[in-house]
Amino acid sequence: MRFLLACLLCVGALCACRKKPAPAVAAPAVDTANAKEPTLNELNDAVQAWFTSRGQAPASLEELARARFISKVPTAPPGRQYVIDAQSLRVIVQ
């Protein structure tokens, strides 16, 4: 009887010690109704947050906006465009 009780306690302890999955990092909440265009620093912060939560660089600024990491895709200066450099995890203006 003692052996059975000891076995049950060991099994219970092993089951209780299972590694629990890490909580997922949620995207920050963004108010899109009164959203201003994000600055270059805010875009870079969003790319870093995306990388931290998903382990890879976002494919585009549209993807960041759909996932609500930024309020909206900013308008680039005339004749230029915003591009995400996946190696440096920075947004650059080309």
PDB file of N, CA and C in Angstrom:
ATOM      1  N   MET A   1       0.823  -1.192   0.000  1.00  0.00           N
ATOM      2  CA  MET A   1       0.000   0.000   0.000  1.00  0.00           C
ATOM      3  C   MET A   1       0.869   1.259   0.000  1.00  0.00           C
ATOM      4  N   ARG A   2       1.935   1.234   0.832  1.00  0.00           N
ATOM      5  CA  ARG A   2       2.836   2.388   0.861  1.00  0.00           C
ATOM      6  C   ARG A   2       3.509   2.582  -0.490  1.00  0.00           C
ATOM      7  N   PHE A   3       3.868   1.468  -1.134  1.00  0.00           N
ATOM      8  CA  PHE A   3       4.521   1.549  -2.440  1.00  0.00           C
ATOM      9  C   PHE A   3       3.594   2.201  -3.470  1.00  0.00           C
ATOM     10  N   LEU A   4       2.339   1.815  -3.460  1.00  0.00           N
ATOM     11  CA  LEU A   4       1.351   2.378  -4.377  1.00  0.00           C
ATOM     12  C   LEU A   4       1.171   3.875  -4.119  1.00  0.00           C
ATOM     13  N   LEU A   5       1.104   4.255  -2.863  1.00  0.00           N
ATOM     14  CA  LEU A   5       0.966   5.666  -2.505  1.00  0.00           C
ATOM     15  C   LEU A   5       2.195   6.465  -2.941  1.00  0.00           C
ATOM     16  N   ALA A   6       3.371   5.908  -2.740  1.00  0.00           N
ATOM     17  CA  ALA A   6       4.607   6.578  -3.157  1.00  0.00           C
ATOM     18  C   ALA A   6       4.654   6.746  -4.666  1.00  0.00           C
ATOM     19  N   CYS A   7       4.215   5.728  -5.399  1.00  0.00           N
ATOM     20  CA  CYS A   7       4.185   5.804  -6.866  1.00  0.00           C
ATOM     21  C   CYS A   7       3.215   6.885  -7.334  1.00  0.00           C
ATOM     22  N   LEU A   8       2.050   6.941  -6.726  1.00  0.00           N
ATOM     23  CA  LEU A   8       1.069   7.960  -7.090  1.00  0.00           C
ATOM     24  C   LEU A   8       1.595   9.369  -6.815  1.00  0.00           C
ATOM     25  N   LEU A   9       2.277   9.558  -5.711  1.00  0.00           N
ATOM     26  CA  LEU A   9       2.858  10.870  -5.396  1.00  0.00           C
ATOM     27  C   LEU A   9       3.932  11.250  -6.398  1.00  0.00           C
ATOM     28  N   CYS A  10       4.760  10.284  -6.806  1.00  0.00           N
ATOM     29  CA  CYS A  10       5.813  10.571  -7.795  1.00  0.00           C
ATOM     30  C   CYS A  10       5.209  10.935  -9.145  1.00  0.00           C
ATOM     31  N   VAL A  11       4.209  10.186  -9.574  1.00  0.00           N
ATOM     32  CA  VAL A  11       3.554  10.480 -10.859  1.00  0.00           C
ATOM     33  C   VAL A  11       2.886  11.847 -10.799  1.00  0.00           C
ATOM     34  N   GLY A  12       2.237  12.148  -9.691  1.00  0.00           N
ATOM     35  CA  GLY A  12       1.597  13.461  -9.540  1.00  0.00           C
ATOM     36  C   GLY A  12       2.617  14.585  -9.568  1.00  0.00           C
ATOM     37  N   ALA A  13       3.757  14.376  -8.922  1.00  0.00           N
ATOM     38  CA  ALA A  13       4.800  15.405  -8.917  1.00  0.00           C
ATOM     39  C   ALA A  13       5.363  15.607 -10.307  1.00  0.00           C
ATOM     40  N   LEU A  14       5.566  14.521 -11.056  1.00  0.00           N
ATOM     41  CA  LEU A  14       6.092  14.636 -12.416  1.00  0.00           C
ATOM     42  C   LEU A  14       5.108  15.360 -13.332  1.00  0.00           C
ATOM     43  N   CYS A  15       3.842  15.069 -13.181  1.00  0.00           N
ATOM     44  CA  CYS A  15       2.829  15.737 -14.012  1.00  0.00           C
ATOM     45  C   CYS A  15       2.732  17.226 -13.676  1.00  0.00           C
ATOM     46  N   ALA A  16       2.896  17.559 -12.424  1.00  0.00           N
ATOM     47  CA  ALA A  16       2.799  18.960 -12.007  1.00  0.00           C
ATOM     48  C   ALA A  16       4.017  19.761 -12.434  1.00  0.00           C
ATOM     49  N   CYS A  17       5.125  19.112 -12.707  1.00  0.00           N
ATOM     50  CA  CYS A  17       6.369  19.805 -13.061  1.00  0.00           C
ATOM     51  C   CYS A  17       6.541  19.992 -14.562  1.00  0.00           C
ATOM     52  N   ARG A  18       5.526  19.659 -15.331  1.00  0.00           N
ATOM     53  CA  ARG A  18       5.644  19.833 -16.781  1.00  0.00           C
ATOM     54  C   ARG A  18       5.900  21.290 -17.104  1.00  0.00           C
ATOM     55  N   LYS A  19       6.712  21.506 -18.122  1.00  0.00           N
ATOM     56  CA  LYS A  19       7.031  22.865 -18.543  1.00  0.00           C
ATOM     57  C   LYS A  19       5.820  23.486 -19.221  1.00  0.00           C
ATOM     58  N   LYS A  20       5.436  24.634 -18.758  1.00  0.00           N
ATOM     59  CA  LYS A  20       4.289  25.336 -19.311  1.00  0.00           C
ATOM     60  C   LYS A  20       4.769  26.218 -20.472  1.00  0.00           C
ATOM     61  N   PRO A  21       3.990  26.337 -21.549  1.00  0.00           N
ATOM     62  CA  PRO A  21       4.415  27.181 -22.664  1.00  0.00           C
ATOM     63  C   PRO A  21       4.458  28.649 -22.257  1.00  0.00           C
ATOM     64  N   ALA A  22       5.417  29.357 -22.845  1.00  0.00           N
ATOM     65  CA  ALA A  22       5.550  30.786 -22.562  1.00  0.00           C
ATOM     66  C   ALA A  22       4.356  31.524 -23.154  1.00  0.00           C
ATOM     67  N   PRO A  23       3.862  32.536 -22.459  1.00  0.00           N
ATOM     68  CA  PRO A  23       2.731  33.291 -23.008  1.00  0.00           C
ATOM     69  C   PRO A  23       3.152  34.049 -24.262  1.00  0.00           C
ATOM     70  N   ALA A  24       2.263  34.115 -25.214  1.00  0.00           N
ATOM     71  CA  ALA A  24       2.541  34.831 -26.455  1.00  0.00           C
ATOM     72  C   ALA A  24       2.536  36.331 -26.201  1.00  0.00           C
ATOM     73  N   VAL A  25       3.386  37.025 -26.922  1.00  0.00           N
ATOM     74  CA  VAL A  25       3.440  38.475 -26.807  1.00  0.00           C
ATOM     75  C   VAL A  25       2.347  39.044 -27.705  1.00  0.00           C
ATOM     76  N   ALA A  26       1.455  39.789 -27.121  1.00  0.00           N
ATOM     77  CA  ALA A  26       0.343  40.349 -27.877  1.00  0.00           C
ATOM     78  C   ALA A  26       0.762  41.630 -28.575  1.00  0.00           C
ATOM     79  N   ALA A  27       0.178  41.866 -29.723  1.00  0.00           N
ATOM     80  CA  ALA A  27       0.433  43.106 -30.447  1.00  0.00           C
ATOM     81  C   ALA A  27      -0.168  44.262 -29.651  1.00  0.00           C
ATOM     82  N   PRO A  28       0.519  45.384 -29.637  1.00  0.00           N
ATOM     83  CA  PRO A  28      -0.025  46.520 -28.906  1.00  0.00           C
ATOM     84  C   PRO A  28      -1.338  47.002 -29.529  1.00  0.00           C
ATOM     85  N   ALA A  29      -2.230  47.476 -28.692  1.00  0.00           N
ATOM     86  CA  ALA A  29      -3.510  47.988 -29.180  1.00  0.00           C
ATOM     87  C   ALA A  29      -3.293  49.342 -29.854  1.00  0.00           C
ATOM     88  N   VAL A  30      -3.928  49.532 -30.990  1.00  0.00           N
ATOM     89  CA  VAL A  30      -3.766  50.766 -31.753  1.00  0.00           C
ATOM     90  C   VAL A  30      -5.137  51.331 -32.077  1.00  0.00           C
ATOM     91  N   ASP A  31      -5.341  52.615 -31.805  1.00  0.00           N
ATOM     92  CA  ASP A  31      -6.586  53.296 -32.137  1.00  0.00           C
ATOM     93  C   ASP A  31      -6.481  53.790 -33.577  1.00  0.00           C
ATOM     94  N   THR A  32      -7.204  53.136 -34.499  1.00  0.00           N
ATOM     95  CA  THR A  32      -7.099  53.504 -35.906  1.00  0.00           C
ATOM     96  C   THR A  32      -8.042  54.645 -36.280  1.00  0.00           C
ATOM     97  N   ALA A  33      -9.026  54.956 -35.458  1.00  0.00           N
ATOM     98  CA  ALA A  33      -9.978  56.007 -35.803  1.00  0.00           C
ATOM     99  C   ALA A  33      -9.306  57.376 -35.858  1.00  0.00           C
ATOM    100  N   ASN A  34      -8.482  57.690 -34.874  1.00  0.00           N
ATOM    101  CA  ASN A  34      -7.806  58.985 -34.826  1.00  0.00           C
ATOM    102  C   ASN A  34      -6.298  58.808 -34.986  1.00  0.00           C
ATOM    103  N   ALA A  35      -5.917  57.891 -35.837  1.00  0.00           N
ATOM    104  CA  ALA A  35      -4.504  57.539 -35.962  1.00  0.00           C
ATOM    105  C   ALA A  35      -3.744  58.577 -36.779  1.00  0.00           C
ATOM    106  N   LYS A  36      -2.590  58.949 -36.257  1.00  0.00           N
ATOM    107  CA  LYS A  36      -1.674  59.790 -37.019  1.00  0.00           C
ATOM    108  C   LYS A  36      -0.677  58.871 -37.700  1.00  0.00           C
ATOM    109  N   GLU A  37       0.000  59.384 -38.689  1.00  0.00           N
ATOM    110  CA  GLU A  37       0.980  58.566 -39.378  1.00  0.00           C
ATOM    111  C   GLU A  37       2.159  58.296 -38.451  1.00  0.00           C
ATOM    112  N   PRO A  38       2.595  57.043 -38.384  1.00  0.00           N
ATOM    113  CA  PRO A  38       3.727  56.731 -37.512  1.00  0.00           C
ATOM    114  C   PRO A  38       5.019  57.354 -38.034  1.00  0.00           C
ATOM    115  N   THR A  39       5.878  57.734 -37.102  1.00  0.00           N
ATOM    116  CA  THR A  39       7.187  58.278 -37.466  1.00  0.00           C
ATOM    117  C   THR A  39       8.128  57.129 -37.808  1.00  0.00           C
ATOM    118  N   LEU A  40       9.292  57.460 -38.321  1.00  0.00           N
ATOM    119  CA  LEU A  40      10.278  56.447 -38.660  1.00  0.00           C
ATOM    120  C   LEU A  40      10.711  55.682 -37.406  1.00  0.00           C
ATOM    121  N   ASN A  41      10.846  56.390 -36.284  1.00  0.00           N
ATOM    122  CA  ASN A  41      11.201  55.711 -35.028  1.00  0.00           C
ATOM    123  C   ASN A  41      10.100  54.739 -34.604  1.00  0.00           C
ATOM    124  N   GLU A  42       8.850  55.131 -34.747  1.00  0.00           N
ATOM    125  CA  GLU A  42       7.737  54.250 -34.391  1.00  0.00           C
ATOM    126  C   GLU A  42       7.687  53.033 -35.316  1.00  0.00           C
ATOM    127  N   LEU A  43       7.997  53.233 -36.592  1.00  0.00           N
ATOM    128  CA  LEU A  43       8.037  52.111 -37.525  1.00  0.00           C
ATOM    129  C   LEU A  43       9.135  51.124 -37.124  1.00  0.00           C
ATOM    130  N   ASN A  44      10.299  51.655 -36.767  1.00  0.00           N
ATOM    131  CA  ASN A  44      11.405  50.785 -36.357  1.00  0.00           C
ATOM    132  C   ASN A  44      11.071  50.040 -35.064  1.00  0.00           C
ATOM    133  N   ASP A  45      10.407  50.707 -34.129  1.00  0.00           N
ATOM    134  CA  ASP A  45       9.980  50.049 -32.890  1.00  0.00           C
ATOM    135  C   ASP A  45       8.987  48.924 -33.196  1.00  0.00           C
ATOM    136  N   ALA A  46       8.089  49.162 -34.150  1.00  0.00           N
ATOM    137  CA  ALA A  46       7.104  48.149 -34.522  1.00  0.00           C
ATOM    138  C   ALA A  46       7.778  46.940 -35.175  1.00  0.00           C
ATOM    139  N   VAL A  47       8.780  47.186 -36.005  1.00  0.00           N
ATOM    140  CA  VAL A  47       9.509  46.081 -36.632  1.00  0.00           C
ATOM    141  C   VAL A  47      10.219  45.255 -35.560  1.00  0.00           C
ATOM    142  N   GLN A  48      10.815  45.929 -34.582  1.00  0.00           N
ATOM    143  CA  GLN A  48      11.491  45.220 -33.492  1.00  0.00           C
ATOM    144  C   GLN A  48      10.486  44.400 -32.670  1.00  0.00           C
ATOM    145  N   ALA A  49       9.324  44.970 -32.389  1.00  0.00           N
ATOM    146  CA  ALA A  49       8.296  44.256 -31.627  1.00  0.00           C
ATOM    147  C   ALA A  49       7.796  43.040 -32.412  1.00  0.00           C
ATOM    148  N   TRP A  50       7.607  43.213 -33.716  1.00  0.00           N
ATOM    149  CA  TRP A  50       7.184  42.102 -34.576  1.00  0.00           C
ATOM    150  C   TRP A  50       8.215  40.982 -34.503  1.00  0.00           C
ATOM    151  N   PHE A  51       9.491  41.333 -34.659  1.00  0.00           N
ATOM    152  CA  PHE A  51      10.553  40.332 -34.634  1.00  0.00           C
ATOM    153  C   PHE A  51      10.599  39.615 -33.284  1.00  0.00           C
ATOM    154  N   THR A  52      10.428  40.366 -32.208  1.00  0.00           N
ATOM    155  CA  THR A  52      10.453  39.775 -30.875  1.00  0.00           C
ATOM    156  C   THR A  52       9.311  38.769 -30.696  1.00  0.00           C
ATOM    157  N   SER A  53       8.144  39.088 -31.209  1.00  0.00           N
ATOM    158  CA  SER A  53       6.995  38.206 -31.005  1.00  0.00           C
ATOM    159  C   SER A  53       6.913  37.073 -32.026  1.00  0.00           C
ATOM    160  N   ARG A  54       7.478  37.255 -33.211  1.00  0.00           N
ATOM    161  CA  ARG A  54       7.287  36.246 -34.263  1.00  0.00           C
ATOM    162  C   ARG A  54       8.573  35.604 -34.764  1.00  0.00           C
ATOM    163  N   GLY A  55       9.722  36.159 -34.407  1.00  0.00           N
ATOM    164  CA  GLY A  55      10.987  35.536 -34.770  1.00  0.00           C
ATOM    165  C   GLY A  55      11.473  35.780 -36.177  1.00  0.00           C
ATOM    166  N   GLN A  56      10.827  36.661 -36.895  1.00  0.00           N
ATOM    167  CA  GLN A  56      11.268  37.013 -38.244  1.00  0.00           C
ATOM    168  C   GLN A  56      10.793  38.415 -38.572  1.00  0.00           C
ATOM    169  N   ALA A  57      11.405  39.007 -39.584  1.00  0.00           N
ATOM    170  CA  ALA A  57      11.030  40.365 -39.978  1.00  0.00           C
ATOM    171  C   ALA A  57       9.699  40.337 -40.727  1.00  0.00           C
ATOM    172  N   PRO A  58       8.892  41.390 -40.594  1.00  0.00           N
ATOM    173  CA  PRO A  58       7.647  41.447 -41.365  1.00  0.00           C
ATOM    174  C   PRO A  58       7.954  41.621 -42.847  1.00  0.00           C
ATOM    175  N   ALA A  59       7.066  41.142 -43.683  1.00  0.00           N
ATOM    176  CA  ALA A  59       7.265  41.239 -45.122  1.00  0.00           C
ATOM    177  C   ALA A  59       7.035  42.664 -45.639  1.00  0.00           C
ATOM    178  N   SER A  60       6.142  43.401 -44.968  1.00  0.00           N
ATOM    179  CA  SER A  60       5.812  44.744 -45.447  1.00  0.00           C
ATOM    180  C   SER A  60       5.207  45.568 -44.317  1.00  0.00           C
ATOM    181  N   LEU A  61       5.091  46.862 -44.584  1.00  0.00           N
ATOM    182  CA  LEU A  61       4.426  47.736 -43.620  1.00  0.00           C
ATOM    183  C   LEU A  61       2.927  47.431 -43.554  1.00  0.00           C
ATOM    184  N   GLU A  62       2.379  46.970 -44.665  1.00  0.00           N
ATOM    185  CA  GLU A  62       0.968  46.584 -44.676  1.00  0.00           C
ATOM    186  C   GLU A  62       0.716  45.438 -43.695  1.00  0.00           C
ATOM    187  N   GLU A  63       1.666  44.514 -43.619  1.00  0.00           N
ATOM    188  CA  GLU A  63       1.540  43.402 -42.683  1.00  0.00           C
ATOM    189  C   GLU A  63       1.570  43.907 -41.241  1.00  0.00           C
ATOM    190  N   LEU A  64       2.424  44.891 -40.960  1.00  0.00           N
ATOM    191  CA  LEU A  64       2.463  45.493 -39.626  1.00  0.00           C
ATOM    192  C   LEU A  64       1.135  46.169 -39.289  1.00  0.00           C
ATOM    193  N   ALA A  65       0.551  46.839 -40.262  1.00  0.00           N
ATOM    194  CA  ALA A  65      -0.724  47.532 -40.034  1.00  0.00           C
ATOM    195  C   ALA A  65      -1.865  46.530 -39.842  1.00  0.00           C
ATOM    196  N   ARG A  66      -1.892  45.448 -40.633  1.00  0.00           N
ATOM    197  CA  ARG A  66      -2.951  44.431 -40.491  1.00  0.00           C
ATOM    198  C   ARG A  66      -2.894  43.771 -39.117  1.00  0.00           C
ATOM    199  N   ALA A  67      -1.671  43.583 -38.603  1.00  0.00           N
ATOM    200  CA  ALA A  67      -1.508  42.953 -37.289  1.00  0.00           C
ATOM    201  C   ALA A  67      -1.600  43.975 -36.160  1.00  0.00           C
ATOM    202  N   ARG A  68      -1.859  45.237 -36.493  1.00  0.00           N
ATOM    203  CA  ARG A  68      -2.058  46.326 -35.537  1.00  0.00           C
ATOM    204  C   ARG A  68      -0.807  46.674 -34.725  1.00  0.00           C
ATOM    205  N   PHE A  69       0.360  46.477 -35.337  1.00  0.00           N
ATOM    206  CA  PHE A  69       1.594  46.933 -34.704  1.00  0.00           C
ATOM    207  C   PHE A  69       1.797  48.423 -34.972  1.00  0.00           C
ATOM    208  N   ILE A  70       1.205  48.920 -36.065  1.00  0.00           N
ATOM    209  CA  ILE A  70       1.181  50.357 -36.363  1.00  0.00           C
ATOM    210  C   ILE A  70      -0.253  50.737 -36.701  1.00  0.00           C
ATOM    211  N   SER A  71      -0.569  52.017 -36.538  1.00  0.00           N
ATOM    212  CA  SER A  71      -1.943  52.458 -36.751  1.00  0.00           C
ATOM    213  C   SER A  71      -2.352  52.427 -38.218  1.00  0.00           C
ATOM    214  N   LYS A  72      -1.426  52.777 -39.084  1.00  0.00           N
ATOM    215  CA  LYS A  72      -1.686  52.733 -40.522  1.00  0.00           C
ATOM    216  C   LYS A  72      -0.359  52.806 -41.251  1.00  0.00           C
ATOM    217  N   VAL A  73      -0.397  52.487 -42.532  1.00  0.00           N
ATOM    218  CA  VAL A  73       0.808  52.566 -43.350  1.00  0.00           C
ATOM    219  C   VAL A  73       1.040  54.043 -43.675  1.00  0.00           C
ATOM    220  N   PRO A  74       2.228  54.560 -43.341  1.00  0.00           N
ATOM    221  CA  PRO A  74       2.476  55.979 -43.589  1.00  0.00           C
ATOM    222  C   PRO A  74       2.688  56.277 -45.072  1.00  0.00           C
ATOM    223  N   THR A  75       2.427  57.514 -45.424  1.00  0.00           N
ATOM    224  CA  THR A  75       2.676  57.976 -46.778  1.00  0.00           C
ATOM    225  C   THR A  75       4.142  58.358 -46.892  1.00  0.00           C
ATOM    226  N   ALA A  76       4.829  57.779 -47.851  1.00  0.00           N
ATOM    227  CA  ALA A  76       6.250  58.071 -48.037  1.00  0.00           C
ATOM    228  C   ALA A  76       6.413  59.450 -48.674  1.00  0.00           C
ATOM    229  N   PRO A  77       7.576  60.062 -48.473  1.00  0.00           N
ATOM    230  CA  PRO A  77       7.833  61.337 -49.139  1.00  0.00           C
ATOM    231  C   PRO A  77       7.725  61.168 -50.662  1.00  0.00           C
ATOM    232  N   PRO A  78       7.386  62.238 -51.383  1.00  0.00           N
ATOM    233  CA  PRO A  78       7.223  62.134 -52.840  1.00  0.00           C
ATOM    234  C   PRO A  78       8.464  61.539 -53.513  1.00  0.00           C
ATOM    235  N   GLY A  79       8.233  60.555 -54.374  1.00  0.00           N
ATOM    236  CA  GLY A  79       9.312  59.925 -55.118  1.00  0.00           C
ATOM    237  C   GLY A  79      10.136  58.922 -54.319  1.00  0.00           C
ATOM    238  N   ARG A  80       9.714  58.623 -53.107  1.00  0.00           N
ATOM    239  CA  ARG A  80      10.452  57.679 -52.253  1.00  0.00           C
ATOM    240  C   ARG A  80       9.495  56.643 -51.713  1.00  0.00           C
ATOM    241  N   GLN A  81      10.041  55.632 -51.057  1.00  0.00           N
ATOM    242  CA  GLN A  81       9.202  54.599 -50.450  1.00  0.00           C
ATOM    243  C   GLN A  81       9.873  54.058 -49.197  1.00  0.00           C
ATOM    244  N   TYR A  82       9.040  53.557 -48.282  1.00  0.00           N
ATOM    245  CA  TYR A  82       9.537  52.918 -47.074  1.00  0.00           C
ATOM    246  C   TYR A  82       9.784  51.443 -47.392  1.00  0.00           C
ATOM    247  N   VAL A  83      10.942  50.945 -46.955  1.00  0.00           N
ATOM    248  CA  VAL A  83      11.304  49.546 -47.178  1.00  0.00           C
ATOM    249  C   VAL A  83      11.822  48.979 -45.865  1.00  0.00           C
ATOM    250  N   ILE A  84      11.455  47.739 -45.558  1.00  0.00           N
ATOM    251  CA  ILE A  84      11.951  47.070 -44.353  1.00  0.00           C
ATOM    252  C   ILE A  84      13.209  46.297 -44.725  1.00  0.00           C
ATOM    253  N   ASP A  85      14.320  46.638 -44.073  1.00  0.00           N
ATOM    254  CA  ASP A  85      15.567  45.908 -44.257  1.00  0.00           C
ATOM    255  C   ASP A  85      15.551  44.742 -43.266  1.00  0.00           C
ATOM    256  N   ALA A  86      15.356  43.525 -43.778  1.00  0.00           N
ATOM    257  CA  ALA A  86      15.195  42.349 -42.928  1.00  0.00           C
ATOM    258  C   ALA A  86      16.474  41.999 -42.177  1.00  0.00           C
ATOM    259  N   GLN A  87      17.619  42.397 -42.689  1.00  0.00           N
ATOM    260  CA  GLN A  87      18.876  42.055 -42.022  1.00  0.00           C
ATOM    261  C   GLN A  87      19.131  42.933 -40.810  1.00  0.00           C
ATOM    262  N   SER A  88      18.886  44.233 -40.957  1.00  0.00           N
ATOM    263  CA  SER A  88      19.131  45.145 -39.822  1.00  0.00           C
ATOM    264  C   SER A  88      17.879  45.386 -38.991  1.00  0.00           C
ATOM    265  N   LEU A  89      16.736  44.857 -39.460  1.00  0.00           N
ATOM    266  CA  LEU A  89      15.440  45.061 -38.807  1.00  0.00           C
ATOM    267  C   LEU A  89      15.151  46.543 -38.613  1.00  0.00           C
ATOM    268  N   ARG A  90      15.349  47.299 -39.677  1.00  0.00           N
ATOM    269  CA  ARG A  90      15.093  48.743 -39.666  1.00  0.00           C
ATOM    270  C   ARG A  90      14.261  49.103 -40.892  1.00  0.00           C
ATOM    271  N   VAL A  91      13.524  50.177 -40.782  1.00  0.00           N
ATOM    272  CA  VAL A  91      12.788  50.728 -41.917  1.00  0.00           C
ATOM    273  C   VAL A  91      13.653  51.821 -42.514  1.00  0.00           C
ATOM    274  N   ILE A  92      13.838  51.758 -43.820  1.00  0.00           N
ATOM    275  CA  ILE A  92      14.654  52.772 -44.497  1.00  0.00           C
ATOM    276  C   ILE A  92      13.800  53.440 -45.580  1.00  0.00           C
ATOM    277  N   VAL A  93      14.198  54.646 -45.946  1.00  0.00           N
ATOM    278  CA  VAL A  93      13.517  55.389 -47.004  1.00  0.00           C
ATOM    279  C   VAL A  93      14.394  55.335 -48.233  1.00  0.00           C
ATOM    280  N   GLN A  94      13.844  54.821 -49.319  1.00  0.00           N
ATOM    281  CA  GLN A  94      14.609  54.729 -50.568  1.00  0.00           C
ATOM    282  C   GLN A  94      14.061  55.697 -51.575  1.00  0.00           C
TER     283      GLN A  94
END
